Protein backbone atom coordinates (compact mmCIF):
# COMPACT_ATOMS: atom_id res chain seq x y z
CA MET A 1 22.56 -19.26 8.20
CA ASP A 2 20.00 -19.03 10.98
CA THR A 3 17.40 -16.24 11.26
CA LEU A 4 19.04 -14.38 14.00
CA SER A 5 22.17 -14.12 11.85
CA LEU A 6 20.27 -13.04 8.84
CA MET A 7 18.53 -10.38 10.95
CA GLY A 8 21.83 -9.23 12.27
CA MET A 9 23.40 -8.96 8.84
CA GLY A 10 20.34 -7.26 7.64
CA PHE A 11 20.87 -4.32 9.99
CA VAL A 12 24.51 -4.11 9.28
CA HIS A 13 23.69 -3.76 5.45
CA ALA A 14 20.77 -1.35 6.10
CA LEU A 15 22.89 0.90 8.11
CA SER A 16 25.31 1.69 5.21
CA PRO A 17 25.44 5.28 4.24
CA VAL A 18 23.77 4.77 0.87
CA ASN A 19 20.79 2.94 2.61
CA ILE A 20 20.60 5.52 5.46
CA PHE A 21 20.41 8.47 2.87
CA ALA A 22 17.84 6.51 0.71
CA MET A 23 15.57 5.96 3.81
CA PHE A 24 15.76 9.52 4.95
CA ALA A 25 14.96 10.96 1.31
CA SER A 26 12.19 8.50 0.48
CA THR A 27 10.29 8.98 3.91
CA ALA A 28 10.51 12.71 3.76
CA ILE A 29 9.16 12.33 0.09
CA GLY A 30 6.50 9.96 1.26
CA VAL A 31 5.44 12.48 4.06
CA SER A 32 5.26 15.24 1.39
CA ILE A 33 2.88 13.04 -0.82
CA GLY A 34 0.84 11.95 2.00
CA CYS A 35 -0.01 15.43 3.28
CA LEU A 36 -1.22 16.64 -0.26
CA PRO A 37 -5.02 16.00 -0.33
CA GLY A 38 -5.98 14.05 -3.40
CA LEU A 39 -2.73 12.26 -3.63
CA SER A 40 -2.06 8.73 -2.22
CA ALA A 41 0.58 6.38 -1.11
CA ALA A 42 0.04 4.07 -4.06
CA MET A 43 0.56 6.95 -6.47
CA GLY A 44 3.66 8.00 -4.85
CA VAL A 45 5.11 4.61 -4.83
CA ALA A 46 4.21 4.08 -8.60
CA LEU A 47 5.52 7.66 -9.52
CA LEU A 48 8.94 6.92 -8.00
CA LEU A 49 9.33 3.20 -8.75
CA PRO A 50 11.55 4.15 -12.00
CA VAL A 51 13.91 5.96 -9.59
CA THR A 52 14.81 2.64 -8.06
CA PHE A 53 15.90 0.84 -11.12
CA GLY A 54 19.61 1.49 -10.97
CA MET A 55 19.55 0.75 -7.28
CA ASP A 56 20.47 -2.58 -5.42
CA PRO A 57 17.26 -4.48 -5.11
CA ALA A 58 17.29 -4.00 -1.24
CA THR A 59 17.79 -0.29 -1.51
CA GLY A 60 15.08 0.09 -4.16
CA LEU A 61 12.59 -1.86 -1.87
CA ILE A 62 13.67 0.24 1.14
CA VAL A 63 12.93 3.32 -0.79
CA LEU A 64 9.71 2.14 -1.70
CA GLY A 65 9.02 1.03 1.79
CA GLY A 66 9.94 4.57 2.99
CA ILE A 67 7.51 6.27 0.63
CA TYR A 68 4.71 3.80 1.72
CA CYS A 69 5.05 4.46 5.51
CA GLY A 70 5.66 8.35 4.96
CA ALA A 71 2.77 8.65 3.06
CA ILE A 72 0.47 6.94 5.48
CA PHE A 73 1.52 9.20 8.23
CA GLY A 74 1.83 12.31 6.08
CA GLY A 75 -2.00 12.01 5.42
CA SER A 76 -2.61 12.88 9.06
CA ILE A 77 -0.81 16.40 8.63
CA SER A 78 -3.51 17.92 6.43
CA ALA A 79 -6.30 15.82 8.48
CA ILE A 80 -5.21 17.64 11.35
CA LEU A 81 -4.63 21.22 10.21
CA ILE A 82 -7.03 21.66 7.37
CA HIS A 83 -9.57 18.99 7.99
CA THR A 84 -8.90 17.27 4.79
CA PRO A 85 -7.38 13.94 5.04
CA GLY A 86 -4.24 13.52 2.64
CA THR A 87 -5.05 9.83 2.23
CA PRO A 88 -8.14 7.72 2.93
CA ALA A 89 -6.12 6.14 5.86
CA SER A 90 -6.36 9.35 7.84
CA ALA A 91 -9.99 9.85 7.46
CA ALA A 92 -10.85 9.12 11.05
CA THR A 93 -7.77 11.07 12.38
CA ALA A 94 -9.45 14.20 10.88
CA ILE A 95 -12.34 13.89 13.27
CA GLU A 96 -10.46 14.50 16.54
CA GLY A 97 -7.32 16.02 15.21
CA TYR A 98 -9.01 19.15 13.54
CA GLN A 99 -10.96 19.77 16.77
CA MET A 100 -7.76 19.71 18.71
CA THR A 101 -6.37 22.20 16.10
CA LEU A 102 -9.51 24.48 16.62
CA ARG A 103 -8.63 24.45 20.28
CA GLY A 104 -5.13 25.60 19.63
CA GLN A 105 -3.58 22.09 20.03
CA ALA A 106 -2.35 21.58 16.42
CA ALA A 107 1.13 20.84 17.55
CA LYS A 108 0.04 18.44 20.15
CA ALA A 109 -2.37 16.63 17.84
CA LEU A 110 0.48 16.17 15.27
CA THR A 111 3.01 14.98 18.01
CA ILE A 112 0.62 12.24 19.03
CA ALA A 113 -0.11 11.35 15.57
CA CYS A 114 3.63 11.01 14.77
CA PHE A 115 4.24 9.04 18.03
CA ALA A 116 1.29 6.84 17.36
CA SER A 117 2.31 6.31 13.71
CA PHE A 118 5.79 5.25 14.87
CA CYS A 119 4.57 2.94 17.50
CA GLY A 120 2.02 1.32 15.23
CA GLY A 121 4.65 0.97 12.45
CA LEU A 122 7.45 -0.42 14.67
CA LEU A 123 5.26 -3.08 16.38
CA SER A 124 4.06 -4.29 12.98
CA CYS A 125 7.69 -5.25 12.14
CA ILE A 126 7.39 -7.85 14.91
CA SER A 127 4.70 -9.80 12.91
CA LEU A 128 6.58 -9.11 9.67
CA TYR A 129 9.75 -10.83 11.09
CA PHE A 130 7.80 -13.77 12.81
CA PHE A 131 5.13 -14.74 10.35
CA SER A 132 6.83 -14.23 6.86
CA PRO A 133 9.34 -17.19 7.10
CA LEU A 134 6.45 -19.42 8.35
CA LEU A 135 4.22 -18.38 5.21
CA ALA A 136 7.22 -18.81 3.05
CA GLN A 137 7.81 -22.37 4.23
CA LEU A 138 4.00 -23.21 3.39
CA ALA A 139 4.64 -21.70 -0.07
CA MET A 140 7.41 -24.11 -0.72
CA LYS A 141 4.83 -27.05 -1.17
CA PHE A 142 2.94 -25.00 -3.80
CA LYS A 143 2.94 -26.66 -7.30
CA SER A 144 1.26 -25.70 -10.62
CA PRO A 145 -2.37 -26.36 -9.41
CA GLU A 146 -1.74 -24.44 -6.22
CA TYR A 147 -0.33 -21.58 -8.11
CA PHE A 148 -3.41 -21.34 -10.32
CA TRP A 149 -5.66 -21.09 -7.22
CA LEU A 150 -3.62 -18.87 -5.53
CA SER A 151 -3.52 -16.24 -8.35
CA LEU A 152 -7.47 -16.53 -8.61
CA PHE A 153 -7.50 -16.22 -4.70
CA GLY A 154 -5.53 -12.94 -5.06
CA LEU A 155 -7.99 -11.46 -7.62
CA THR A 156 -11.05 -12.40 -5.75
CA ILE A 157 -9.70 -10.69 -2.58
CA ILE A 158 -8.46 -7.38 -4.15
CA ALA A 159 -11.12 -7.20 -6.64
CA GLY A 160 -13.94 -7.81 -4.28
CA VAL A 161 -12.88 -6.05 -1.02
CA SER A 162 -11.37 -2.95 -2.41
CA SER A 163 -14.34 -1.97 -4.53
CA LYS A 164 -17.80 -0.73 -3.69
CA SER A 165 -19.33 -3.33 -5.99
CA LEU A 166 -18.36 -6.90 -6.16
CA LEU A 167 -19.35 -7.07 -9.79
CA LYS A 168 -17.21 -3.93 -10.75
CA GLY A 169 -14.48 -5.29 -8.70
CA LEU A 170 -14.38 -8.56 -10.42
CA MET A 171 -14.59 -6.75 -13.80
CA SER A 172 -11.53 -4.84 -12.98
CA GLY A 173 -9.57 -8.19 -12.21
CA ILE A 174 -10.87 -9.78 -15.54
CA LEU A 175 -9.75 -6.53 -17.48
CA GLY A 176 -6.26 -6.95 -15.94
CA LEU A 177 -6.22 -10.72 -16.94
CA LEU A 178 -7.11 -9.85 -20.59
CA LEU A 179 -4.30 -7.29 -20.62
CA SER A 180 -1.89 -9.86 -19.19
CA THR A 181 -2.24 -11.88 -22.36
CA ILE A 182 -0.69 -9.29 -24.47
CA GLY A 183 2.77 -10.45 -25.62
CA MET A 184 4.42 -13.77 -26.45
CA ASP A 185 2.53 -17.00 -25.35
CA PRO A 186 4.61 -18.27 -22.46
CA MET A 187 4.13 -21.99 -23.30
CA GLU A 188 4.23 -21.90 -26.99
CA GLY A 189 6.09 -18.79 -28.00
CA VAL A 190 3.24 -17.40 -30.33
CA PRO A 191 2.60 -13.72 -30.41
CA ARG A 192 -0.69 -12.74 -28.97
CA PHE A 193 -2.54 -9.35 -29.30
CA MET A 194 0.63 -7.49 -30.18
CA PHE A 195 -0.76 -5.27 -32.90
CA GLY A 196 2.33 -5.38 -34.86
CA GLN A 197 4.45 -3.56 -32.02
CA ALA A 198 7.58 -5.25 -31.17
CA ALA A 199 7.68 -3.30 -28.03
CA LEU A 200 4.98 -5.62 -26.67
CA TYR A 201 7.12 -8.73 -27.18
CA ASN A 202 7.33 -9.13 -23.46
CA GLY A 203 3.88 -8.07 -22.67
CA ILE A 204 2.92 -4.65 -21.18
CA ASP A 205 5.46 -3.24 -18.94
CA THR A 206 4.32 -3.28 -15.37
CA THR A 207 5.95 0.21 -14.46
CA CYS A 208 4.39 1.88 -17.26
CA ALA A 209 1.01 0.46 -16.11
CA LEU A 210 1.37 1.46 -12.56
CA ILE A 211 2.41 5.03 -13.24
CA GLY A 212 -0.51 5.30 -15.66
CA LEU A 213 -3.21 3.99 -13.41
CA PHE A 214 -2.17 5.46 -10.35
CA SER A 215 -0.33 8.62 -11.27
CA MET A 216 -1.43 9.93 -14.70
CA SER A 217 -5.06 9.13 -14.08
CA GLN A 218 -4.77 11.32 -10.87
CA ILE A 219 -3.65 14.17 -12.97
CA LEU A 220 -6.95 13.79 -15.24
CA VAL A 221 -9.21 13.61 -12.13
CA LEU A 222 -7.61 16.84 -10.63
CA ALA A 223 -7.48 18.41 -14.10
CA GLU A 224 -11.27 18.22 -14.68
CA LYS A 225 -11.95 19.88 -11.59
CA LYS A 226 -11.73 23.57 -10.76
CA ILE A 227 -8.23 24.50 -9.61
CA VAL A 228 -8.32 24.21 -5.90
CA GLN A 229 -6.27 26.47 -3.56
CA ARG A 230 -5.81 24.83 -0.22
CA PRO A 231 -6.79 26.64 2.88
CA ARG A 232 -4.19 28.05 5.09
CA ALA A 233 -3.26 25.68 8.04
CA ALA A 234 -3.58 27.08 11.55
CA LYS A 235 -0.54 28.47 13.28
CA PHE A 236 1.01 26.39 15.88
CA LYS A 237 0.25 28.14 19.13
CA ASP A 238 1.46 25.16 21.52
CA LYS A 239 4.61 23.05 21.53
CA PHE A 240 5.53 19.81 20.14
CA ASP A 241 5.68 17.67 23.14
CA LEU A 242 3.91 14.88 25.23
CA SER A 243 3.53 14.68 28.96
CA LEU A 244 3.78 11.48 30.79
CA SER A 245 0.21 11.55 31.65
CA ASP A 246 -0.47 11.83 27.94
CA LEU A 247 1.66 8.88 27.19
CA ARG A 248 -0.30 6.70 29.85
CA ARG A 249 -3.41 7.70 28.35
CA ILE A 250 -2.65 6.87 24.65
CA SER A 251 -0.63 3.80 25.41
CA PRO A 252 -3.59 1.37 25.57
CA SER A 253 -5.26 2.75 22.52
CA ILE A 254 -1.98 2.18 20.61
CA VAL A 255 -1.45 -1.33 21.54
CA ARG A 256 -5.07 -2.21 20.70
CA SER A 257 -4.81 -0.35 17.39
CA TRP A 258 -1.47 -2.20 16.58
CA ILE A 259 -3.05 -5.61 17.05
CA ILE A 260 -6.20 -4.37 15.06
CA GLY A 261 -4.00 -2.90 12.12
CA ASN A 262 -1.79 -6.10 11.94
CA ILE A 263 -4.76 -8.26 11.55
CA ILE A 264 -6.28 -6.07 9.06
CA GLY A 265 -3.06 -5.63 7.19
CA ILE A 266 -2.23 -9.64 6.99
CA LEU A 267 -5.95 -10.02 5.74
CA PRO A 268 -5.41 -9.35 1.98
CA GLY A 269 -7.66 -6.63 0.37
CA ALA A 270 -8.83 -4.89 3.70
CA GLY A 271 -6.57 -1.84 3.79
CA ALA A 272 -5.81 1.14 6.12
CA SER A 273 -8.91 3.08 5.59
CA ILE A 274 -10.79 0.28 7.45
CA ALA A 275 -8.19 -0.14 10.11
CA CYS A 276 -8.11 3.65 11.13
CA PHE A 277 -11.91 3.65 11.71
CA MET A 278 -11.67 0.28 13.76
CA GLY A 279 -8.85 1.77 15.74
CA TYR A 280 -10.66 4.96 16.34
CA ASN A 281 -13.84 3.30 17.38
CA GLU A 282 -12.12 0.99 19.77
CA ALA A 283 -10.24 3.81 21.35
CA ARG A 284 -13.66 5.54 22.15
CA ARG A 285 -15.36 2.29 23.26
CA PHE A 286 -12.46 1.64 25.93
CA SER A 287 -11.92 5.15 26.70
CA LYS A 288 -12.56 6.59 30.27
CA HIS A 289 -13.06 10.02 28.71
CA LYS A 290 -15.68 9.36 26.21
CA GLU A 291 -17.01 13.01 26.64
CA GLU A 292 -14.00 14.17 24.86
CA PHE A 293 -14.46 12.26 21.58
CA GLY A 294 -15.96 14.64 18.92
CA LYS A 295 -14.33 17.60 20.72
CA GLY A 296 -10.61 16.72 20.26
CA SER A 297 -9.45 13.49 21.90
CA ILE A 298 -6.03 12.47 22.06
CA GLU A 299 -7.00 8.92 22.39
CA GLY A 300 -8.90 9.20 19.10
CA VAL A 301 -6.00 10.50 17.21
CA ALA A 302 -3.67 7.94 18.69
CA GLY A 303 -6.05 4.90 17.95
CA SER A 304 -6.58 5.99 14.25
CA GLU A 305 -2.87 6.63 13.42
CA ALA A 306 -1.65 3.58 15.28
CA ALA A 307 -3.99 1.27 13.39
CA ASN A 308 -3.40 2.75 9.83
CA ASN A 309 0.43 2.46 10.29
CA ALA A 310 0.33 -1.03 11.79
CA VAL A 311 -1.27 -2.16 8.44
CA THR A 312 2.05 -1.37 6.56
CA GLY A 313 4.01 -4.15 8.10
CA GLY A 314 1.06 -6.61 8.14
CA SER A 315 0.21 -6.03 4.42
CA LEU A 316 3.70 -7.04 3.53
CA ILE A 317 3.44 -10.33 4.93
CA PRO A 318 1.09 -12.04 2.26
CA THR A 319 2.66 -9.79 -0.50
CA LEU A 320 6.20 -11.25 0.12
CA THR A 321 5.54 -14.83 0.79
CA LEU A 322 2.35 -15.65 -1.35
CA GLY A 323 2.34 -12.78 -3.92
CA ILE A 324 -1.18 -11.58 -2.51
CA PRO A 325 -0.95 -7.83 -1.90
CA GLY A 326 -2.70 -6.68 1.15
CA GLU A 327 -3.93 -3.52 -0.57
CA SER A 328 -3.40 -1.26 -3.37
CA VAL A 329 0.16 0.11 -2.20
CA THR A 330 1.53 -3.40 -1.83
CA ALA A 331 0.21 -4.32 -5.24
CA VAL A 332 2.39 -1.61 -6.54
CA LEU A 333 5.36 -2.80 -4.43
CA MET A 334 4.80 -6.55 -5.70
CA GLY A 335 5.25 -4.80 -9.23
CA GLY A 336 8.67 -3.30 -7.95
CA LEU A 337 9.69 -6.70 -6.72
CA ILE A 338 9.04 -8.28 -10.12
CA ILE A 339 10.77 -5.34 -11.97
CA HIS A 340 14.05 -6.06 -10.05
CA GLY A 341 13.74 -9.76 -11.15
CA LEU A 342 12.44 -11.14 -7.85
CA GLN A 343 9.42 -13.33 -7.50
CA PRO A 344 7.31 -13.19 -4.11
CA GLY A 345 7.61 -16.53 -2.58
CA PRO A 346 9.94 -19.05 -0.70
CA GLU A 347 13.08 -17.83 -2.80
CA LEU A 348 12.92 -14.42 -0.87
CA PHE A 349 13.62 -16.31 2.21
CA THR A 350 16.24 -18.67 0.93
CA LYS A 351 18.16 -17.72 -2.22
CA TYR A 352 17.51 -13.89 -1.72
CA ALA A 353 17.25 -14.10 2.25
CA ASP A 354 20.23 -11.32 2.44
CA MET A 355 18.27 -8.96 0.48
CA THR A 356 14.97 -9.56 2.25
CA TYR A 357 16.23 -9.19 5.83
CA THR A 358 18.13 -5.91 4.65
CA PHE A 359 14.75 -4.62 3.53
CA PHE A 360 12.94 -5.78 6.88
CA ALA A 361 15.90 -4.03 8.86
CA GLY A 362 15.32 -0.85 6.69
CA PHE A 363 11.77 -1.19 7.26
CA VAL A 364 12.45 -0.89 11.07
CA ILE A 365 14.71 1.99 10.72
CA VAL A 366 12.33 3.84 8.50
CA GLN A 367 9.93 4.04 11.43
CA PHE A 368 12.55 6.06 13.47
CA LEU A 369 13.23 8.24 10.58
CA MET A 370 9.45 8.90 10.32
CA LEU A 371 9.31 10.00 13.91
CA ILE A 372 12.26 12.28 13.68
CA ILE A 373 11.16 13.84 10.35
CA GLY A 374 7.54 14.02 11.37
CA ILE A 375 8.38 15.87 14.73
CA LEU A 376 11.02 18.26 13.25
CA GLY A 377 9.36 18.80 9.84
CA CYS A 378 5.77 19.45 10.68
CA ARG A 379 5.74 23.02 10.11
CA ALA A 380 7.40 22.70 6.69
CA PHE A 381 4.90 19.84 5.59
CA ALA A 382 2.16 22.19 6.75
CA SER A 383 3.22 24.47 4.08
CA ILE A 384 3.37 21.62 1.38
CA ALA A 385 -0.02 20.75 2.29
CA ARG A 386 -1.20 24.28 0.77
CA LEU A 387 0.20 23.65 -2.78
CA SER A 388 -2.42 24.54 -5.39
CA ASP A 389 -3.53 22.08 -8.05
CA ALA A 390 -1.98 24.64 -10.53
CA ILE A 391 1.38 23.47 -9.34
CA LEU A 392 0.88 19.74 -8.71
CA ILE A 393 -0.78 18.79 -11.88
CA PRO A 394 2.10 19.90 -14.28
CA SER A 395 4.77 18.56 -11.89
CA ILE A 396 3.24 15.09 -11.52
CA PHE A 397 2.67 15.00 -15.43
CA LEU A 398 6.36 15.95 -15.94
CA LEU A 399 7.30 13.00 -13.44
CA CYS A 400 5.13 10.57 -15.16
CA VAL A 401 6.44 11.17 -18.55
CA VAL A 402 10.17 11.25 -17.56
CA GLY A 403 9.54 8.22 -15.52
CA SER A 404 8.03 6.13 -18.09
CA TYR A 405 10.49 7.17 -20.79
CA ALA A 406 13.42 6.29 -18.52
CA ILE A 407 12.56 2.76 -18.25
CA HIS A 408 13.89 1.65 -21.57
CA ASN A 409 14.42 5.17 -23.22
CA ASN A 410 11.50 4.37 -25.41
CA PHE A 411 8.74 6.63 -26.31
CA THR A 412 6.38 3.70 -26.77
CA GLU A 413 6.45 3.32 -23.09
CA VAL A 414 5.19 6.93 -22.70
CA VAL A 415 2.12 6.09 -24.99
CA ILE A 416 1.47 2.83 -23.09
CA MET A 417 1.64 5.05 -19.79
CA MET A 418 -0.75 7.53 -21.32
CA ILE A 419 -3.02 4.82 -22.47
CA PHE A 420 -3.29 3.14 -18.76
CA GLY A 421 -3.67 6.88 -17.56
CA VAL A 422 -6.79 7.09 -19.41
CA ILE A 423 -7.84 3.41 -18.36
CA GLY A 424 -7.17 4.60 -14.77
CA PHE A 425 -9.31 7.76 -15.27
CA LEU A 426 -12.15 5.81 -16.54
CA ALA A 427 -11.73 3.21 -13.98
CA HIS A 428 -12.26 6.10 -11.38
CA LYS A 429 -15.28 7.44 -13.23
CA PHE A 430 -17.06 3.99 -13.49
CA ASP A 431 -15.85 3.14 -9.88
CA LEU A 432 -13.83 0.22 -11.10
CA ASN A 433 -10.57 -0.96 -9.18
CA PRO A 434 -7.05 0.14 -10.59
CA ALA A 435 -5.43 -2.10 -8.17
CA ALA A 436 -7.43 -4.99 -9.20
CA ILE A 437 -6.42 -4.31 -12.84
CA VAL A 438 -2.66 -4.12 -11.76
CA LEU A 439 -3.07 -7.43 -9.74
CA GLY A 440 -4.79 -9.05 -12.96
CA LEU A 441 -1.90 -8.01 -14.93
CA ILE A 442 0.72 -9.30 -12.49
CA LEU A 443 -1.11 -12.84 -11.56
CA GLY A 444 -2.38 -13.43 -14.99
CA PRO A 445 0.69 -14.92 -16.11
CA ILE A 446 1.24 -16.85 -13.07
CA GLY A 447 -2.22 -18.22 -13.16
CA GLU A 448 -1.99 -18.98 -16.72
CA LYS A 449 1.17 -20.92 -16.40
CA GLY A 450 -0.01 -22.86 -13.47
CA LEU A 451 -3.17 -23.93 -15.23
CA ARG A 452 -1.68 -24.87 -18.43
CA ARG A 453 1.34 -26.81 -16.94
CA ALA A 454 -0.98 -28.61 -14.57
CA LEU A 455 -3.39 -29.65 -17.45
CA MET A 456 -0.07 -30.77 -19.49
CA LEU A 457 0.91 -32.95 -16.62
CA SER A 458 -2.43 -34.63 -16.24
CA ASP A 459 -3.00 -34.98 -19.99
CA GLY A 460 -5.90 -32.66 -19.94
CA ASP A 461 -7.76 -33.95 -16.87
CA PRO A 462 -9.06 -31.13 -14.84
CA SER A 463 -9.13 -33.23 -11.62
CA ILE A 464 -5.57 -32.28 -10.95
CA LEU A 465 -6.86 -29.04 -9.87
CA PHE A 466 -8.68 -30.63 -7.01
CA SER A 467 -5.87 -33.36 -6.04
CA THR A 468 -4.46 -31.75 -2.90
CA PRO A 469 -5.58 -30.37 0.51
CA ILE A 470 -3.78 -27.08 -0.33
CA CYS A 471 -5.85 -26.86 -3.57
CA TRP A 472 -9.00 -27.23 -1.54
CA VAL A 473 -8.12 -24.77 1.10
CA LEU A 474 -7.36 -22.03 -1.58
CA ILE A 475 -10.65 -22.89 -3.35
CA ILE A 476 -12.51 -22.25 -0.03
CA LEU A 477 -10.51 -19.00 0.47
CA CYS A 478 -11.58 -17.93 -3.17
CA VAL A 479 -15.26 -18.40 -2.14
CA LEU A 480 -14.76 -16.38 0.99
CA GLY A 481 -12.92 -13.66 -1.08
CA VAL A 482 -15.83 -13.27 -3.30
CA LEU A 483 -18.41 -13.31 -0.26
CA SER A 484 -16.11 -11.06 1.91
CA PRO A 485 -16.97 -7.72 0.09
CA ILE A 486 -20.44 -7.83 1.49
CA MET A 487 -19.32 -8.19 5.05
CA MET A 488 -16.42 -5.60 4.59
CA ASN A 489 -18.77 -3.00 3.17
CA ARG A 490 -21.24 -3.36 5.82
CA MET A 491 -18.42 -3.10 8.54
CA GLU A 492 -17.09 0.04 7.02
CA LYS A 493 -20.23 1.79 6.73
CA LYS A 494 -21.14 0.92 10.32
CA LEU A 495 -17.74 2.19 11.65
CA VAL A 496 -17.99 5.45 9.71
CA ALA A 497 -21.50 5.96 11.04
CA GLN A 498 -20.44 5.29 14.46
CA ALA A 499 -17.45 7.57 14.13
CA GLU A 500 -19.65 10.48 12.55
CA LYS A 501 -22.52 9.99 15.14
CA ASN A 502 -20.01 10.30 18.28
């Protein structure tokens, strides 16, 4: 079946009543999570991952995609109304959005944020459809040595770029690798580090680890602080609409930010927080109304929101084709793929092509639903943003316990989740990287199998690891992955400084 036919069938399947309801509900939940300061898109996806177990894989992935997109946009609501970004991806939006709120233009700022988010997310789907099959064809040439270097590349990228310290990032990845050795040896069938627990026969359950690292740890972080009562959001004094002149002004910023966000998303490890500041700074640089920046510029809001939402589609490309997550949220999404029995790579575009293109189509439709939900529900979401930590903490704790127990109806899974919650809390305290730990847990078995199989095929000769051009390309990428944090950290500091200065 050719690509156009698969795309058409994907939309037919995605538009089923069950999938439409799933998309609507998950996007609304995602926006709710995103607008709550202190929570994150990764936490929301990890928390609701167990809900997708009984679903068709395509529907389950659509639900996770809806939460992802909704949460990235949702962060702009609290950023605009109470000057507190719901997620790091909306940090730049708070600069101009809150100034518009102070001028009595809260509704207009939210409308622009919603429209720009919709455009950025929708346009990012173009690259998702175009580049994913091409990278999948490249992945078909991978053998054991290439998979070893690929897993190493994934660890160097996410461990380095997503942490303030290269050393701490690599320590996080190594911790994940060590945890991935728990269970039966994949080559010899010998038990390893199981501590007499039969529940660890298949290793640590990825879902329990995800819930613990991203959700339970957040409870501990919130619980150690003074209970926070959110400030009351400003009342809407204007209307939710955009004039034709407004659209003409923000359109160039949206297009620029779409390109920026897509490139940042495809580069593994960069993330939406960098994209939002890059989109904001480029909007200011090319603006004909520079005097408005810092006082409530609609171009600044549009530039930031289009960029961080354009990351969503771009970051899925390396995740689905090579198994290299673009950021922490897609690391959790990759865990969802594996839980549904699907391995990122060429099979998603051959054997499971129907499922993959249904997910792609659902991802497109989610952008339209996000626009509708965002415009019609902003008043309600503004109230949600005021929820006290006294309500959030017990609610998230209950969902963590129920979600981890429901995986196999086994209390051992709850204990594992709690342990990973403590690990995640300590990671937060010592500035380690939870996403790198998860990635080590997921990529560890892939890298181990690749290394050991390659050495078995060559009778222990390590030169097989350097035997193909693809191996050398991946080795070079590993080196760049280790060095890139220095450049990324400098870039982010410079962008933040420029944004604050202006």
